[in-house]
Amino acid sequence: MKPEFEAIPLVKNADKQQFEITIEGHKALIVYSEKPGIITLIHTEVEPALEGKGAATAVIEKTLNYLEQNKYQLVPRCPLVFAYIKKHPEWKRIVSKDFHGFDEEKNG
């Protein structure tokens, strides 16, 4: 994550079911669904003013850290989150044992 994003707080907006960061008045967010102990990340989105600036990576990294700190298991349905975890396989440690997307890709 770029240093300028490190101090920006992550907000878990339960009403909208999304994790959000706000940068200069613009949002980067990840839509999620939640079951006890498991969060499925569905879609990552950044407002046009933030595109190409690393905001998507920042919200993904902050969300993964939040999930780990709060002992959630992750189901990475969002293609960006899935791709991030492929590049950073150490994050597989929080992926739900019931999610087999990485295994299927390897064997397929």
PDB file of N, CA and C in Angstrom:
ATOM      1  N   MET A   1       0.844  -1.170   0.000  1.00  0.00           N
ATOM      2  CA  MET A   1       0.000   0.000   0.000  1.00  0.00           C
ATOM      3  C   MET A   1       0.892   1.237   0.000  1.00  0.00           C
ATOM      4  N   LYS A   2       0.472   2.229  -0.737  1.00  0.00           N
ATOM      5  CA  LYS A   2       1.238   3.469  -0.787  1.00  0.00           C
ATOM      6  C   LYS A   2       1.206   4.148   0.580  1.00  0.00           C
ATOM      7  N   PRO A   3       2.327   4.741   0.985  1.00  0.00           N
ATOM      8  CA  PRO A   3       2.401   5.353   2.321  1.00  0.00           C
ATOM      9  C   PRO A   3       1.308   6.383   2.584  1.00  0.00           C
ATOM     10  N   GLU A   4       0.885   7.115   1.561  1.00  0.00           N
ATOM     11  CA  GLU A   4      -0.125   8.159   1.787  1.00  0.00           C
ATOM     12  C   GLU A   4      -1.490   7.586   2.192  1.00  0.00           C
ATOM     13  N   PHE A   5      -1.690   6.277   2.011  1.00  0.00           N
ATOM     14  CA  PHE A   5      -2.962   5.663   2.386  1.00  0.00           C
ATOM     15  C   PHE A   5      -2.922   4.992   3.766  1.00  0.00           C
ATOM     16  N   GLU A   6      -1.731   4.837   4.329  1.00  0.00           N
ATOM     17  CA  GLU A   6      -1.593   4.055   5.560  1.00  0.00           C
ATOM     18  C   GLU A   6      -2.398   4.609   6.725  1.00  0.00           C
ATOM     19  N   ALA A   7      -2.473   5.925   6.879  1.00  0.00           N
ATOM     20  CA  ALA A   7      -3.153   6.525   8.028  1.00  0.00           C
ATOM     21  C   ALA A   7      -4.663   6.660   7.828  1.00  0.00           C
ATOM     22  N   ILE A   8      -5.144   6.356   6.633  1.00  0.00           N
ATOM     23  CA  ILE A   8      -6.579   6.503   6.358  1.00  0.00           C
ATOM     24  C   ILE A   8      -7.329   5.339   6.999  1.00  0.00           C
ATOM     25  N   PRO A   9      -8.331   5.661   7.827  1.00  0.00           N
ATOM     26  CA  PRO A   9      -9.048   4.585   8.522  1.00  0.00           C
ATOM     27  C   PRO A   9      -9.996   3.819   7.613  1.00  0.00           C
ATOM     28  N   LEU A  10     -10.118   2.533   7.894  1.00  0.00           N
ATOM     29  CA  LEU A  10     -11.101   1.683   7.218  1.00  0.00           C
ATOM     30  C   LEU A  10     -12.398   1.753   8.011  1.00  0.00           C
ATOM     31  N   VAL A  11     -13.508   1.921   7.307  1.00  0.00           N
ATOM     32  CA  VAL A  11     -14.818   1.954   7.945  1.00  0.00           C
ATOM     33  C   VAL A  11     -15.597   0.728   7.485  1.00  0.00           C
ATOM     34  N   LYS A  12     -16.150  -0.008   8.445  1.00  0.00           N
ATOM     35  CA  LYS A  12     -17.059  -1.105   8.112  1.00  0.00           C
ATOM     36  C   LYS A  12     -18.468  -0.528   8.173  1.00  0.00           C
ATOM     37  N   ASN A  13     -19.029  -0.232   7.017  1.00  0.00           N
ATOM     38  CA  ASN A  13     -20.355   0.364   6.925  1.00  0.00           C
ATOM     39  C   ASN A  13     -21.376  -0.772   6.851  1.00  0.00           C
ATOM     40  N   ALA A  14     -21.886  -1.170   8.008  1.00  0.00           N
ATOM     41  CA  ALA A  14     -22.790  -2.321   8.078  1.00  0.00           C
ATOM     42  C   ALA A  14     -24.109  -2.048   7.359  1.00  0.00           C
ATOM     43  N   ASP A  15     -24.564  -0.795   7.369  1.00  0.00           N
ATOM     44  CA  ASP A  15     -25.831  -0.463   6.701  1.00  0.00           C
ATOM     45  C   ASP A  15     -25.756  -0.720   5.199  1.00  0.00           C
ATOM     46  N   LYS A  16     -24.634  -0.358   4.598  1.00  0.00           N
ATOM     47  CA  LYS A  16     -24.452  -0.547   3.148  1.00  0.00           C
ATOM     48  C   LYS A  16     -23.735  -1.846   2.819  1.00  0.00           C
ATOM     49  N   GLN A  17     -23.302  -2.581   3.851  1.00  0.00           N
ATOM     50  CA  GLN A  17     -22.514  -3.806   3.694  1.00  0.00           C
ATOM     51  C   GLN A  17     -21.308  -3.574   2.797  1.00  0.00           C
ATOM     52  N   GLN A  18     -20.485  -2.610   3.221  1.00  0.00           N
ATOM     53  CA  GLN A  18     -19.249  -2.362   2.495  1.00  0.00           C
ATOM     54  C   GLN A  18     -18.176  -1.827   3.436  1.00  0.00           C
ATOM     55  N   PHE A  19     -16.934  -2.199   3.103  1.00  0.00           N
ATOM     56  CA  PHE A  19     -15.770  -1.628   3.761  1.00  0.00           C
ATOM     57  C   PHE A  19     -15.370  -0.424   2.925  1.00  0.00           C
ATOM     58  N   GLU A  20     -15.029   0.684   3.593  1.00  0.00           N
ATOM     59  CA  GLU A  20     -14.774   1.922   2.855  1.00  0.00           C
ATOM     60  C   GLU A  20     -13.539   2.633   3.387  1.00  0.00           C
ATOM     61  N   ILE A  21     -12.841   3.291   2.474  1.00  0.00           N
ATOM     62  CA  ILE A  21     -11.876   4.311   2.852  1.00  0.00           C
ATOM     63  C   ILE A  21     -12.238   5.554   2.049  1.00  0.00           C
ATOM     64  N   THR A  22     -12.000   6.714   2.639  1.00  0.00           N
ATOM     65  CA  THR A  22     -12.293   7.974   1.962  1.00  0.00           C
ATOM     66  C   THR A  22     -10.989   8.743   1.802  1.00  0.00           C
ATOM     67  N   ILE A  23     -10.700   9.101   0.556  1.00  0.00           N
ATOM     68  CA  ILE A  23      -9.470   9.803   0.212  1.00  0.00           C
ATOM     69  C   ILE A  23      -9.863  11.091  -0.500  1.00  0.00           C
ATOM     70  N   GLU A  24      -9.529  12.220   0.112  1.00  0.00           N
ATOM     71  CA  GLU A  24      -9.837  13.529  -0.469  1.00  0.00           C
ATOM     72  C   GLU A  24     -11.295  13.608  -0.912  1.00  0.00           C
ATOM     73  N   GLY A  25     -12.191  13.089  -0.081  1.00  0.00           N
ATOM     74  CA  GLY A  25     -13.628  13.163  -0.362  1.00  0.00           C
ATOM     75  C   GLY A  25     -14.161  12.098  -1.306  1.00  0.00           C
ATOM     76  N   HIS A  26     -13.305  11.195  -1.763  1.00  0.00           N
ATOM     77  CA  HIS A  26     -13.719  10.138  -2.689  1.00  0.00           C
ATOM     78  C   HIS A  26     -13.559   8.782  -2.006  1.00  0.00           C
ATOM     79  N   LYS A  27     -14.451   7.850  -2.351  1.00  0.00           N
ATOM     80  CA  LYS A  27     -14.458   6.543  -1.696  1.00  0.00           C
ATOM     81  C   LYS A  27     -13.866   5.440  -2.566  1.00  0.00           C
ATOM     82  N   ALA A  28     -13.186   4.520  -1.866  1.00  0.00           N
ATOM     83  CA  ALA A  28     -12.830   3.215  -2.416  1.00  0.00           C
ATOM     84  C   ALA A  28     -13.522   2.235  -1.480  1.00  0.00           C
ATOM     85  N   LEU A  29     -14.164   1.215  -2.036  1.00  0.00           N
ATOM     86  CA  LEU A  29     -14.965   0.338  -1.190  1.00  0.00           C
ATOM     87  C   LEU A  29     -14.980  -1.089  -1.686  1.00  0.00           C
ATOM     88  N   ILE A  30     -15.322  -1.985  -0.761  1.00  0.00           N
ATOM     89  CA  ILE A  30     -15.531  -3.391  -1.084  1.00  0.00           C
ATOM     90  C   ILE A  30     -16.888  -3.788  -0.517  1.00  0.00           C
ATOM     91  N   VAL A  31     -17.754  -4.277  -1.384  1.00  0.00           N
ATOM     92  CA  VAL A  31     -19.067  -4.779  -0.966  1.00  0.00           C
ATOM     93  C   VAL A  31     -18.881  -6.180  -0.391  1.00  0.00           C
ATOM     94  N   TYR A  32     -19.566  -6.468   0.721  1.00  0.00           N
ATOM     95  CA  TYR A  32     -19.418  -7.765   1.363  1.00  0.00           C
ATOM     96  C   TYR A  32     -20.764  -8.322   1.799  1.00  0.00           C
ATOM     97  N   SER A  33     -20.762  -9.606   2.096  1.00  0.00           N
ATOM     98  CA  SER A  33     -21.876 -10.225   2.816  1.00  0.00           C
ATOM     99  C   SER A  33     -21.256 -10.947   3.998  1.00  0.00           C
ATOM    100  N   GLU A  34     -22.049 -11.099   5.058  1.00  0.00           N
ATOM    101  CA  GLU A  34     -21.491 -11.616   6.297  1.00  0.00           C
ATOM    102  C   GLU A  34     -22.387 -12.682   6.894  1.00  0.00           C
ATOM    103  N   LYS A  35     -21.732 -13.754   7.330  1.00  0.00           N
ATOM    104  CA  LYS A  35     -22.348 -14.802   8.147  1.00  0.00           C
ATOM    105  C   LYS A  35     -21.487 -14.875   9.399  1.00  0.00           C
ATOM    106  N   PRO A  36     -21.953 -15.501  10.456  1.00  0.00           N
ATOM    107  CA  PRO A  36     -21.123 -15.565  11.663  1.00  0.00           C
ATOM    108  C   PRO A  36     -19.717 -16.116  11.371  1.00  0.00           C
ATOM    109  N   GLY A  37     -18.707 -15.265  11.598  1.00  0.00           N
ATOM    110  CA  GLY A  37     -17.319 -15.677  11.445  1.00  0.00           C
ATOM    111  C   GLY A  37     -16.792 -15.713  10.019  1.00  0.00           C
ATOM    112  N   ILE A  38     -17.648 -15.425   9.032  1.00  0.00           N
ATOM    113  CA  ILE A  38     -17.224 -15.505   7.623  1.00  0.00           C
ATOM    114  C   ILE A  38     -17.685 -14.255   6.876  1.00  0.00           C
ATOM    115  N   ILE A  39     -16.775 -13.644   6.151  1.00  0.00           N
ATOM    116  CA  ILE A  39     -17.132 -12.511   5.297  1.00  0.00           C
ATOM    117  C   ILE A  39     -16.764 -12.861   3.859  1.00  0.00           C
ATOM    118  N   THR A  40     -17.738 -12.672   2.975  1.00  0.00           N
ATOM    119  CA  THR A  40     -17.528 -12.850   1.544  1.00  0.00           C
ATOM    120  C   THR A  40     -17.339 -11.471   0.931  1.00  0.00           C
ATOM    121  N   LEU A  41     -16.200 -11.260   0.281  1.00  0.00           N
ATOM    122  CA  LEU A  41     -15.943 -10.005  -0.416  1.00  0.00           C
ATOM    123  C   LEU A  41     -16.416 -10.174  -1.852  1.00  0.00           C
ATOM    124  N   ILE A  42     -17.342  -9.305  -2.266  1.00  0.00           N
ATOM    125  CA  ILE A  42     -18.068  -9.497  -3.516  1.00  0.00           C
ATOM    126  C   ILE A  42     -17.558  -8.610  -4.647  1.00  0.00           C
ATOM    127  N   HIS A  43     -17.303  -7.342  -4.335  1.00  0.00           N
ATOM    128  CA  HIS A  43     -17.009  -6.380  -5.407  1.00  0.00           C
ATOM    129  C   HIS A  43     -16.183  -5.229  -4.849  1.00  0.00           C
ATOM    130  N   THR A  44     -15.109  -4.871  -5.544  1.00  0.00           N
ATOM    131  CA  THR A  44     -14.294  -3.712  -5.173  1.00  0.00           C
ATOM    132  C   THR A  44     -14.557  -2.602  -6.178  1.00  0.00           C
ATOM    133  N   GLU A  45     -14.665  -1.374  -5.655  1.00  0.00           N
ATOM    134  CA  GLU A  45     -14.980  -0.242  -6.521  1.00  0.00           C
ATOM    135  C   GLU A  45     -14.253   0.996  -6.021  1.00  0.00           C
ATOM    136  N   VAL A  46     -13.754   1.807  -6.937  1.00  0.00           N
ATOM    137  CA  VAL A  46     -13.188   3.103  -6.575  1.00  0.00           C
ATOM    138  C   VAL A  46     -13.863   4.169  -7.425  1.00  0.00           C
ATOM    139  N   GLU A  47     -14.053   5.337  -6.827  1.00  0.00           N
ATOM    140  CA  GLU A  47     -14.621   6.446  -7.595  1.00  0.00           C
ATOM    141  C   GLU A  47     -13.609   6.874  -8.666  1.00  0.00           C
ATOM    142  N   PRO A  48     -14.101   7.386  -9.796  1.00  0.00           N
ATOM    143  CA  PRO A  48     -13.210   7.736 -10.913  1.00  0.00           C
ATOM    144  C   PRO A  48     -12.015   8.601 -10.522  1.00  0.00           C
ATOM    145  N   ALA A  49     -12.184   9.508  -9.571  1.00  0.00           N
ATOM    146  CA  ALA A  49     -11.077  10.386  -9.174  1.00  0.00           C
ATOM    147  C   ALA A  49      -9.919   9.614  -8.547  1.00  0.00           C
ATOM    148  N   LEU A  50     -10.177   8.386  -8.077  1.00  0.00           N
ATOM    149  CA  LEU A  50      -9.136   7.592  -7.413  1.00  0.00           C
ATOM    150  C   LEU A  50      -8.540   6.503  -8.305  1.00  0.00           C
ATOM    151  N   GLU A  51      -9.091   6.317  -9.489  1.00  0.00           N
ATOM    152  CA  GLU A  51      -8.629   5.236 -10.358  1.00  0.00           C
ATOM    153  C   GLU A  51      -7.142   5.393 -10.687  1.00  0.00           C
ATOM    154  N   GLY A  52      -6.425   4.283 -10.611  1.00  0.00           N
ATOM    155  CA  GLY A  52      -5.009   4.274 -10.968  1.00  0.00           C
ATOM    156  C   GLY A  52      -4.078   4.840  -9.919  1.00  0.00           C
ATOM    157  N   LYS A  53      -4.599   5.120  -8.723  1.00  0.00           N
ATOM    158  CA  LYS A  53      -3.776   5.732  -7.673  1.00  0.00           C
ATOM    159  C   LYS A  53      -3.437   4.772  -6.539  1.00  0.00           C
ATOM    160  N   GLY A  54      -3.871   3.525  -6.651  1.00  0.00           N
ATOM    161  CA  GLY A  54      -3.575   2.557  -5.603  1.00  0.00           C
ATOM    162  C   GLY A  54      -4.644   2.454  -4.529  1.00  0.00           C
ATOM    163  N   ALA A  55      -5.768   3.125  -4.717  1.00  0.00           N
ATOM    164  CA  ALA A  55      -6.828   3.113  -3.699  1.00  0.00           C
ATOM    165  C   ALA A  55      -7.471   1.737  -3.573  1.00  0.00           C
ATOM    166  N   ALA A  56      -7.638   1.027  -4.684  1.00  0.00           N
ATOM    167  CA  ALA A  56      -8.229  -0.313  -4.617  1.00  0.00           C
ATOM    168  C   ALA A  56      -7.325  -1.243  -3.806  1.00  0.00           C
ATOM    169  N   THR A  57      -6.039  -1.185  -4.066  1.00  0.00           N
ATOM    170  CA  THR A  57      -5.093  -2.003  -3.299  1.00  0.00           C
ATOM    171  C   THR A  57      -5.154  -1.635  -1.820  1.00  0.00           C
ATOM    172  N   ALA A  58      -5.236  -0.347  -1.527  1.00  0.00           N
ATOM    173  CA  ALA A  58      -5.279   0.101  -0.132  1.00  0.00           C
ATOM    174  C   ALA A  58      -6.517  -0.436   0.575  1.00  0.00           C
ATOM    175  N   VAL A  59      -7.682  -0.349  -0.056  1.00  0.00           N
ATOM    176  CA  VAL A  59      -8.896  -0.825   0.612  1.00  0.00           C
ATOM    177  C   VAL A  59      -8.862  -2.351   0.750  1.00  0.00           C
ATOM    178  N   ILE A  60      -8.285  -3.048  -0.210  1.00  0.00           N
ATOM    179  CA  ILE A  60      -8.156  -4.508  -0.107  1.00  0.00           C
ATOM    180  C   ILE A  60      -7.237  -4.860   1.066  1.00  0.00           C
ATOM    181  N   GLU A  61      -6.068  -4.242   1.141  1.00  0.00           N
ATOM    182  CA  GLU A  61      -5.121  -4.562   2.215  1.00  0.00           C
ATOM    183  C   GLU A  61      -5.695  -4.225   3.586  1.00  0.00           C
ATOM    184  N   LYS A  62      -6.345  -3.083   3.705  1.00  0.00           N
ATOM    185  CA  LYS A  62      -6.937  -2.694   4.986  1.00  0.00           C
ATOM    186  C   LYS A  62      -8.056  -3.660   5.377  1.00  0.00           C
ATOM    187  N   THR A  63      -8.845  -4.098   4.396  1.00  0.00           N
ATOM    188  CA  THR A  63      -9.935  -5.031   4.678  1.00  0.00           C
ATOM    189  C   THR A  63      -9.381  -6.385   5.105  1.00  0.00           C
ATOM    190  N   LEU A  64      -8.366  -6.887   4.414  1.00  0.00           N
ATOM    191  CA  LEU A  64      -7.771  -8.172   4.795  1.00  0.00           C
ATOM    192  C   LEU A  64      -7.195  -8.103   6.204  1.00  0.00           C
ATOM    193  N   ASN A  65      -6.542  -7.003   6.533  1.00  0.00           N
ATOM    194  CA  ASN A  65      -6.019  -6.832   7.894  1.00  0.00           C
ATOM    195  C   ASN A  65      -7.156  -6.822   8.917  1.00  0.00           C
ATOM    196  N   TYR A  66      -8.236  -6.127   8.596  1.00  0.00           N
ATOM    197  CA  TYR A  66      -9.397  -6.084   9.498  1.00  0.00           C
ATOM    198  C   TYR A  66      -9.947  -7.497   9.723  1.00  0.00           C
ATOM    199  N   LEU A  67     -10.110  -8.249   8.631  1.00  0.00           N
ATOM    200  CA  LEU A  67     -10.653  -9.602   8.740  1.00  0.00           C
ATOM    201  C   LEU A  67      -9.763 -10.465   9.623  1.00  0.00           C
ATOM    202  N   GLU A  68      -8.453 -10.369   9.416  1.00  0.00           N
ATOM    203  CA  GLU A  68      -7.538 -11.168  10.219  1.00  0.00           C
ATOM    204  C   GLU A  68      -7.585 -10.752  11.696  1.00  0.00           C
ATOM    205  N   GLN A  69      -7.541  -9.471  11.953  1.00  0.00           N
ATOM    206  CA  GLN A  69      -7.550  -8.987  13.339  1.00  0.00           C
ATOM    207  C   GLN A  69      -8.838  -9.372  14.067  1.00  0.00           C
ATOM    208  N   ASN A  70      -9.942  -9.473  13.318  1.00  0.00           N
ATOM    209  CA  ASN A  70     -11.232  -9.789  13.932  1.00  0.00           C
ATOM    210  C   ASN A  70     -11.617 -11.254  13.766  1.00  0.00           C
ATOM    211  N   LYS A  71     -10.634 -12.050  13.339  1.00  0.00           N
ATOM    212  CA  LYS A  71     -10.761 -13.511  13.255  1.00  0.00           C
ATOM    213  C   LYS A  71     -11.889 -13.989  12.342  1.00  0.00           C
ATOM    214  N   TYR A  72     -12.089 -13.275  11.233  1.00  0.00           N
ATOM    215  CA  TYR A  72     -13.039 -13.711  10.220  1.00  0.00           C
ATOM    216  C   TYR A  72     -12.344 -14.651   9.247  1.00  0.00           C
ATOM    217  N   GLN A  73     -13.117 -15.563   8.674  1.00  0.00           N
ATOM    218  CA  GLN A  73     -12.650 -16.320   7.524  1.00  0.00           C
ATOM    219  C   GLN A  73     -13.124 -15.575   6.285  1.00  0.00           C
ATOM    220  N   LEU A  74     -12.352 -15.646   5.226  1.00  0.00           N
ATOM    221  CA  LEU A  74     -12.614 -14.906   4.004  1.00  0.00           C
ATOM    222  C   LEU A  74     -13.067 -15.834   2.881  1.00  0.00           C
ATOM    223  N   VAL A  75     -14.089 -15.377   2.151  1.00  0.00           N
ATOM    224  CA  VAL A  75     -14.467 -16.004   0.887  1.00  0.00           C
ATOM    225  C   VAL A  75     -14.262 -14.916  -0.182  1.00  0.00           C
ATOM    226  N   PRO A  76     -13.201 -15.033  -0.996  1.00  0.00           N
ATOM    227  CA  PRO A  76     -12.853 -13.973  -1.948  1.00  0.00           C
ATOM    228  C   PRO A  76     -13.558 -14.125  -3.297  1.00  0.00           C
ATOM    229  N   ARG A  77     -14.807 -13.694  -3.376  1.00  0.00           N
ATOM    230  CA  ARG A  77     -15.560 -13.772  -4.642  1.00  0.00           C
ATOM    231  C   ARG A  77     -15.236 -12.615  -5.585  1.00  0.00           C
ATOM    232  N   CYS A  78     -14.744 -11.514  -5.044  1.00  0.00           N
ATOM    233  CA  CYS A  78     -14.382 -10.362  -5.867  1.00  0.00           C
ATOM    234  C   CYS A  78     -13.130 -10.704  -6.686  1.00  0.00           C
ATOM    235  N   PRO A  79     -13.178 -10.515  -8.004  1.00  0.00           N
ATOM    236  CA  PRO A  79     -12.006 -10.836  -8.835  1.00  0.00           C
ATOM    237  C   PRO A  79     -10.734 -10.078  -8.431  1.00  0.00           C
ATOM    238  N   LEU A  80     -10.862  -8.830  -7.999  1.00  0.00           N
ATOM    239  CA  LEU A  80      -9.671  -8.075  -7.591  1.00  0.00           C
ATOM    240  C   LEU A  80      -9.066  -8.643  -6.317  1.00  0.00           C
ATOM    241  N   VAL A  81      -9.914  -8.995  -5.355  1.00  0.00           N
ATOM    242  CA  VAL A  81      -9.421  -9.580  -4.110  1.00  0.00           C
ATOM    243  C   VAL A  81      -8.784 -10.939  -4.402  1.00  0.00           C
ATOM    244  N   PHE A  82      -9.438 -11.732  -5.228  1.00  0.00           N
ATOM    245  CA  PHE A  82      -8.909 -13.046  -5.621  1.00  0.00           C
ATOM    246  C   PHE A  82      -7.518 -12.884  -6.244  1.00  0.00           C
ATOM    247  N   ALA A  83      -7.394 -11.934  -7.175  1.00  0.00           N
ATOM    248  CA  ALA A  83      -6.110 -11.695  -7.847  1.00  0.00           C
ATOM    249  C   ALA A  83      -5.063 -11.195  -6.855  1.00  0.00           C
ATOM    250  N   TYR A  84      -5.474 -10.351  -5.908  1.00  0.00           N
ATOM    251  CA  TYR A  84      -4.538  -9.851  -4.899  1.00  0.00           C
ATOM    252  C   TYR A  84      -3.983 -11.016  -4.078  1.00  0.00           C
ATOM    253  N   ILE A  85      -4.859 -11.924  -3.684  1.00  0.00           N
ATOM    254  CA  ILE A  85      -4.416 -13.059  -2.867  1.00  0.00           C
ATOM    255  C   ILE A  85      -3.525 -14.004  -3.689  1.00  0.00           C
ATOM    256  N   LYS A  86      -3.802 -14.142  -4.977  1.00  0.00           N
ATOM    257  CA  LYS A  86      -2.903 -14.946  -5.823  1.00  0.00           C
ATOM    258  C   LYS A  86      -1.500 -14.350  -5.840  1.00  0.00           C
ATOM    259  N   LYS A  87      -1.401 -13.014  -5.874  1.00  0.00           N
ATOM    260  CA  LYS A  87      -0.099 -12.348  -5.877  1.00  0.00           C
ATOM    261  C   LYS A  87       0.551 -12.360  -4.494  1.00  0.00           C
ATOM    262  N   HIS A  88      -0.275 -12.445  -3.465  1.00  0.00           N
ATOM    263  CA  HIS A  88       0.203 -12.409  -2.079  1.00  0.00           C
ATOM    264  C   HIS A  88      -0.353 -13.635  -1.343  1.00  0.00           C
ATOM    265  N   PRO A  89       0.153 -14.831  -1.679  1.00  0.00           N
ATOM    266  CA  PRO A  89      -0.440 -16.070  -1.158  1.00  0.00           C
ATOM    267  C   PRO A  89      -0.382 -16.215   0.356  1.00  0.00           C
ATOM    268  N   GLU A  90       0.395 -15.382   1.033  1.00  0.00           N
ATOM    269  CA  GLU A  90       0.396 -15.440   2.492  1.00  0.00           C
ATOM    270  C   GLU A  90      -0.996 -15.131   3.064  1.00  0.00           C
ATOM    271  N   TRP A  91      -1.838 -14.433   2.287  1.00  0.00           N
ATOM    272  CA  TRP A  91      -3.193 -14.115   2.754  1.00  0.00           C
ATOM    273  C   TRP A  91      -4.128 -15.316   2.682  1.00  0.00           C
ATOM    274  N   LYS A  92      -3.697 -16.394   2.053  1.00  0.00           N
ATOM    275  CA  LYS A  92      -4.535 -17.596   2.047  1.00  0.00           C
ATOM    276  C   LYS A  92      -4.788 -18.100   3.465  1.00  0.00           C
ATOM    277  N   ARG A  93      -3.967 -17.628   4.415  1.00  0.00           N
ATOM    278  CA  ARG A  93      -4.137 -18.055   5.808  1.00  0.00           C
ATOM    279  C   ARG A  93      -5.504 -17.669   6.369  1.00  0.00           C
ATOM    280  N   ILE A  94      -6.171 -16.659   5.796  1.00  0.00           N
ATOM    281  CA  ILE A  94      -7.486 -16.270   6.311  1.00  0.00           C
ATOM    282  C   ILE A  94      -8.634 -16.727   5.405  1.00  0.00           C
ATOM    283  N   VAL A  95      -8.301 -17.363   4.283  1.00  0.00           N
ATOM    284  CA  VAL A  95      -9.339 -17.831   3.365  1.00  0.00           C
ATOM    285  C   VAL A  95     -10.051 -19.043   3.970  1.00  0.00           C
ATOM    286  N   SER A  96     -11.374 -19.045   3.869  1.00  0.00           N
ATOM    287  CA  SER A  96     -12.177 -20.143   4.396  1.00  0.00           C
ATOM    288  C   SER A  96     -11.740 -21.469   3.794  1.00  0.00           C
ATOM    289  N   LYS A  97     -11.696 -22.491   4.635  1.00  0.00           N
ATOM    290  CA  LYS A  97     -11.334 -23.833   4.151  1.00  0.00           C
ATOM    291  C   LYS A  97     -12.366 -24.351   3.144  1.00  0.00           C
ATOM    292  N   ASP A  98     -13.569 -23.780   3.164  1.00  0.00           N
ATOM    293  CA  ASP A  98     -14.625 -24.200   2.234  1.00  0.00           C
ATOM    294  C   ASP A  98     -14.494 -23.547   0.860  1.00  0.00           C
ATOM    295  N   PHE A  99     -13.602 -22.572   0.715  1.00  0.00           N
ATOM    296  CA  PHE A  99     -13.401 -21.913  -0.576  1.00  0.00           C
ATOM    297  C   PHE A  99     -12.294 -22.648  -1.310  1.00  0.00           C
ATOM    298  N   HIS A 100     -12.637 -23.179  -2.482  1.00  0.00           N
ATOM    299  CA  HIS A 100     -11.669 -23.992  -3.220  1.00  0.00           C
ATOM    300  C   HIS A 100     -11.246 -23.356  -4.547  1.00  0.00           C
ATOM    301  N   GLY A 101     -11.527 -22.087  -4.736  1.00  0.00           N
ATOM    302  CA  GLY A 101     -11.225 -21.413  -5.992  1.00  0.00           C
ATOM    303  C   GLY A 101      -9.760 -21.460  -6.384  1.00  0.00           C
ATOM    304  N   PHE A 102      -8.870 -21.314  -5.416  1.00  0.00           N
ATOM    305  CA  PHE A 102      -7.439 -21.347  -5.734  1.00  0.00           C
ATOM    306  C   PHE A 102      -7.011 -22.750  -6.129  1.00  0.00           C
ATOM    307  N   ASP A 103      -7.538 -23.769  -5.426  1.00  0.00           N
ATOM    308  CA  ASP A 103      -7.212 -25.160  -5.736  1.00  0.00           C
ATOM    309  C   ASP A 103      -7.740 -25.559  -7.102  1.00  0.00           C
ATOM    310  N   GLU A 104      -8.990 -25.171  -7.387  1.00  0.00           N
ATOM    311  CA  GLU A 104      -9.601 -25.539  -8.666  1.00  0.00           C
ATOM    312  C   GLU A 104      -8.817 -24.960  -9.826  1.00  0.00           C
ATOM    313  N   GLU A 105      -8.347 -23.723  -9.667  1.00  0.00           N
ATOM    314  CA  GLU A 105      -7.589 -23.082 -10.726  1.00  0.00           C
ATOM    315  C   GLU A 105      -6.281 -23.830 -10.985  1.00  0.00           C
ATOM    316  N   LYS A 106      -5.651 -24.284  -9.909  1.00  0.00           N
ATOM    317  CA  LYS A 106      -4.383 -25.001 -10.018  1.00  0.00           C
ATOM    318  C   LYS A 106      -4.581 -26.350 -10.711  1.00  0.00           C
ATOM    319  N   ASN A 107      -5.670 -27.037 -10.349  1.00  0.00           N
ATOM    320  CA  ASN A 107      -5.913 -28.380 -10.874  1.00  0.00           C
ATOM    321  C   ASN A 107      -6.622 -28.365 -12.228  1.00  0.00           C
ATOM    322  N   GLY A 108      -7.269 -27.233 -12.554  1.00  0.00           N
ATOM    323  CA  GLY A 108      -8.101 -27.178 -13.750  1.00  0.00           C
ATOM    324  C   GLY A 108      -7.308 -27.002 -14.937  1.00  0.00           C
TER     325      GLY A 108
END
